[in-house]
Amino acid sequence: MPYIQTLPDTFTTPAYYSDKEMLLLPAQLRKKAEKKITELQQTYARLKSLLDLYWTELGLVFSFNNFCWAWYCVNSRSVYFKTETFDCVRDDGNHVALAPFLDLLNHSCKAKIEAGFNTKTKCYEIRTLDKYRKYEQVFISYGPHDNHHLLIEYGFTLPDNSYDTYELDFGKLFFNLDRITKSF
């Protein structure tokens, strides 16, 4: 079966939420989700204008929904690694590659792994530093991400996320504190 047929048809990230679902998000998370969606729309618009100019046939069928699907397929199944840089290309030496079967491994903020490209085997290798028993689920770590990041980028949250944060809105805090103290 071709790899592309194993990919999901849709994702659970806010980019796929209805307007009603977006309104259910807490204000801070909704603001971050809207920022991500705006970034996706801007990236899509730049790419679409290039396709319309240089590859008209693809530009005709390349919708924002298709772009989001491709973006999240790559974003949720890719690895980053350093490679050789070239003078003729502006880049920082970090490149992304799809890693088939990577999506079979779920994220845990407690997972300890070593990962990287092995120049001898010419393979990207992930090794767990945790102990697992036979038939036990093996986890990897996507990095030290809070639940807002996990939801926006990957479409899930963790109930026991040791990297989770809460952002205080000091403007609202002081406004309400001032209101409360005046009532005494």
Protein backbone atom coordinates (compact mmCIF):
# COMPACT_ATOMS: atom_id res chain seq x y z
CA MET A 1 0.00 0.00 0.00
CA PRO A 2 1.45 3.39 -0.95
CA TYR A 3 2.49 5.50 2.03
CA ILE A 4 0.14 8.37 1.14
CA GLN A 5 -2.88 6.07 1.56
CA THR A 6 -1.94 5.50 5.20
CA LEU A 7 -2.19 9.22 6.01
CA PRO A 8 -5.30 10.61 7.74
CA ASP A 9 -7.93 12.49 5.74
CA THR A 10 -8.25 15.22 8.35
CA PHE A 11 -6.64 16.42 11.55
CA THR A 12 -7.79 17.50 15.01
CA THR A 13 -5.85 20.77 15.03
CA PRO A 14 -7.68 24.12 15.37
CA ALA A 15 -7.08 24.78 11.65
CA TYR A 16 -9.82 22.18 11.09
CA TYR A 17 -12.23 23.54 13.72
CA SER A 18 -15.55 25.14 12.86
CA ASP A 19 -16.21 28.71 14.02
CA LYS A 20 -18.35 27.33 16.87
CA GLU A 21 -15.55 25.00 17.97
CA MET A 22 -13.03 27.86 17.89
CA LEU A 23 -15.28 29.89 20.21
CA LEU A 24 -15.13 27.05 22.75
CA LEU A 25 -11.37 27.48 23.15
CA PRO A 26 -10.07 29.60 26.04
CA ALA A 27 -9.25 33.13 24.84
CA GLN A 28 -5.44 32.77 25.04
CA LEU A 29 -5.49 29.47 23.15
CA ARG A 30 -7.94 30.80 20.57
CA LYS A 31 -5.63 33.79 19.95
CA LYS A 32 -2.67 31.44 19.37
CA ALA A 33 -4.78 29.18 17.14
CA GLU A 34 -5.97 32.15 15.09
CA LYS A 35 -2.35 33.31 14.72
CA LYS A 36 -1.35 29.85 13.42
CA ILE A 37 -4.27 29.82 10.98
CA THR A 38 -3.27 33.30 9.73
CA GLU A 39 0.31 32.07 9.23
CA LEU A 40 -1.02 29.08 7.26
CA GLN A 41 -3.23 31.36 5.14
CA GLN A 42 -0.29 33.68 4.39
CA THR A 43 2.01 30.79 3.48
CA TYR A 44 -0.72 29.29 1.30
CA ALA A 45 -1.29 32.63 -0.47
CA ARG A 46 2.43 33.01 -1.27
CA LEU A 47 2.67 29.44 -2.54
CA LYS A 48 -0.60 29.69 -4.50
CA SER A 49 0.58 32.85 -6.28
CA LEU A 50 3.77 31.06 -7.34
CA LEU A 51 1.81 28.04 -8.54
CA ASP A 52 -0.63 30.23 -10.46
CA LEU A 53 2.33 31.92 -12.12
CA TYR A 54 4.61 28.96 -12.84
CA TRP A 55 2.49 25.79 -12.61
CA THR A 56 -1.03 26.77 -13.62
CA GLU A 57 -2.47 23.24 -13.69
CA LEU A 58 -1.55 22.61 -10.05
CA GLY A 59 -2.63 26.09 -9.02
CA LEU A 60 -6.15 25.33 -10.27
CA VAL A 61 -6.63 22.42 -7.84
CA PHE A 62 -4.46 23.56 -4.95
CA SER A 63 -6.95 24.70 -2.31
CA PHE A 64 -6.34 25.98 1.21
CA ASN A 65 -7.81 22.71 2.53
CA ASN A 66 -5.34 20.69 0.43
CA PHE A 67 -2.51 22.89 1.69
CA CYS A 68 -3.52 22.42 5.35
CA TRP A 69 -3.77 18.66 4.86
CA ALA A 70 -0.27 18.53 3.33
CA TRP A 71 1.12 20.88 6.00
CA TYR A 72 -0.14 18.76 8.88
CA CYS A 73 0.87 15.48 7.20
CA VAL A 74 4.43 16.76 7.03
CA ASN A 75 4.40 18.62 10.36
CA SER A 76 3.19 15.60 12.32
CA ARG A 77 5.41 13.02 10.60
CA SER A 78 8.70 14.76 10.02
CA VAL A 79 12.06 14.96 11.66
CA TYR A 80 14.60 17.78 11.64
CA PHE A 81 18.27 17.22 11.11
CA LYS A 82 21.35 19.20 10.21
CA THR A 83 22.79 18.79 6.74
CA GLU A 84 25.49 20.33 4.65
CA THR A 85 24.86 23.95 3.69
CA PHE A 86 25.42 25.38 0.23
CA ASP A 87 26.49 28.92 -0.64
CA CYS A 88 23.87 29.24 -3.38
CA VAL A 89 20.95 28.43 -1.03
CA ARG A 90 19.93 30.59 1.91
CA ASP A 91 19.34 28.23 4.80
CA ASP A 92 20.51 27.46 8.30
CA GLY A 93 21.43 23.83 7.63
CA ASN A 94 18.27 22.47 9.29
CA HIS A 95 16.17 20.33 7.02
CA VAL A 96 12.99 18.37 7.41
CA ALA A 97 12.32 14.87 6.14
CA LEU A 98 9.26 12.66 6.30
CA ALA A 99 9.77 9.60 8.43
CA PRO A 100 7.29 6.86 7.51
CA PHE A 101 6.05 4.88 10.52
CA LEU A 102 7.06 7.70 12.87
CA ASP A 103 3.36 8.35 13.43
CA LEU A 104 3.09 4.88 14.99
CA LEU A 105 4.96 6.26 18.00
CA ASN A 106 3.00 8.53 20.32
CA HIS A 107 4.33 11.47 22.31
CA SER A 108 5.04 11.42 26.01
CA CYS A 109 6.73 14.30 27.79
CA LYS A 110 8.45 11.68 29.98
CA ALA A 111 9.99 9.71 27.10
CA LYS A 112 13.76 9.76 26.88
CA ILE A 113 15.18 9.14 23.42
CA GLU A 114 18.19 9.72 21.22
CA ALA A 115 17.43 10.52 17.61
CA GLY A 116 19.40 11.53 14.57
CA PHE A 117 20.70 10.62 11.17
CA ASN A 118 23.24 7.79 11.27
CA THR A 119 25.81 8.48 8.54
CA LYS A 120 27.03 4.87 8.63
CA THR A 121 23.63 3.24 8.08
CA LYS A 122 22.27 6.26 6.15
CA CYS A 123 19.10 6.01 8.24
CA TYR A 124 17.32 8.25 10.68
CA GLU A 125 17.35 6.34 13.94
CA ILE A 126 15.36 6.75 17.12
CA ARG A 127 16.53 4.90 20.21
CA THR A 128 14.65 4.80 23.47
CA LEU A 129 16.54 5.29 26.70
CA ASP A 130 13.55 4.00 28.68
CA LYS A 131 12.86 0.39 29.56
CA TYR A 132 9.83 -1.29 28.02
CA ARG A 133 8.37 -4.74 28.43
CA LYS A 134 7.35 -6.92 25.52
CA TYR A 135 4.12 -5.64 23.86
CA GLU A 136 4.20 -2.40 25.86
CA GLN A 137 3.63 0.82 23.92
CA VAL A 138 6.85 2.68 23.10
CA PHE A 139 6.80 6.48 23.27
CA ILE A 140 8.92 9.26 21.83
CA SER A 141 9.11 12.92 22.80
CA TYR A 142 8.23 15.68 20.34
CA GLY A 143 10.04 18.07 22.66
CA PRO A 144 9.23 20.12 25.76
CA HIS A 145 5.88 21.48 24.56
CA ASP A 146 2.95 22.83 26.54
CA ASN A 147 -0.62 21.74 25.75
CA HIS A 148 -1.35 24.85 23.65
CA HIS A 149 1.54 23.99 21.33
CA LEU A 150 0.58 20.31 21.20
CA LEU A 151 -3.02 21.14 20.27
CA ILE A 152 -2.15 23.74 17.64
CA GLU A 153 0.64 21.75 15.98
CA TYR A 154 -0.43 18.12 16.53
CA GLY A 155 -4.10 18.15 17.51
CA PHE A 156 -3.94 16.69 21.02
CA THR A 157 -3.25 17.59 24.64
CA LEU A 158 -1.89 15.57 27.54
CA PRO A 159 -3.73 15.41 30.88
CA ASP A 160 -0.47 15.11 32.83
CA ASN A 161 1.85 17.36 30.80
CA SER A 162 4.85 18.37 32.92
CA TYR A 163 5.61 21.16 30.41
CA ASP A 164 2.16 22.72 30.53
CA THR A 165 1.94 26.40 31.38
CA TYR A 166 -0.64 28.99 32.24
CA GLU A 167 -0.17 32.51 30.97
CA LEU A 168 -1.38 35.29 33.21
CA ASP A 169 -2.95 38.33 31.61
CA PHE A 170 -1.70 40.99 34.00
CA GLY A 171 -3.89 43.65 32.43
CA LYS A 172 -7.04 41.68 33.27
CA LEU A 173 -5.60 40.62 36.62
CA PHE A 174 -4.91 44.19 37.73
CA PHE A 175 -8.21 45.45 36.31
CA ASN A 176 -10.15 42.84 38.29
CA LEU A 177 -7.99 43.34 41.39
CA ASP A 178 -8.67 47.06 41.24
CA ARG A 179 -12.41 46.39 40.85
CA ILE A 180 -12.41 43.95 43.77
CA THR A 181 -10.49 46.26 46.13
CA LYS A 182 -12.81 49.17 45.32
CA SER A 183 -15.80 47.09 46.38
CA PHE A 184 -14.48 46.81 49.96
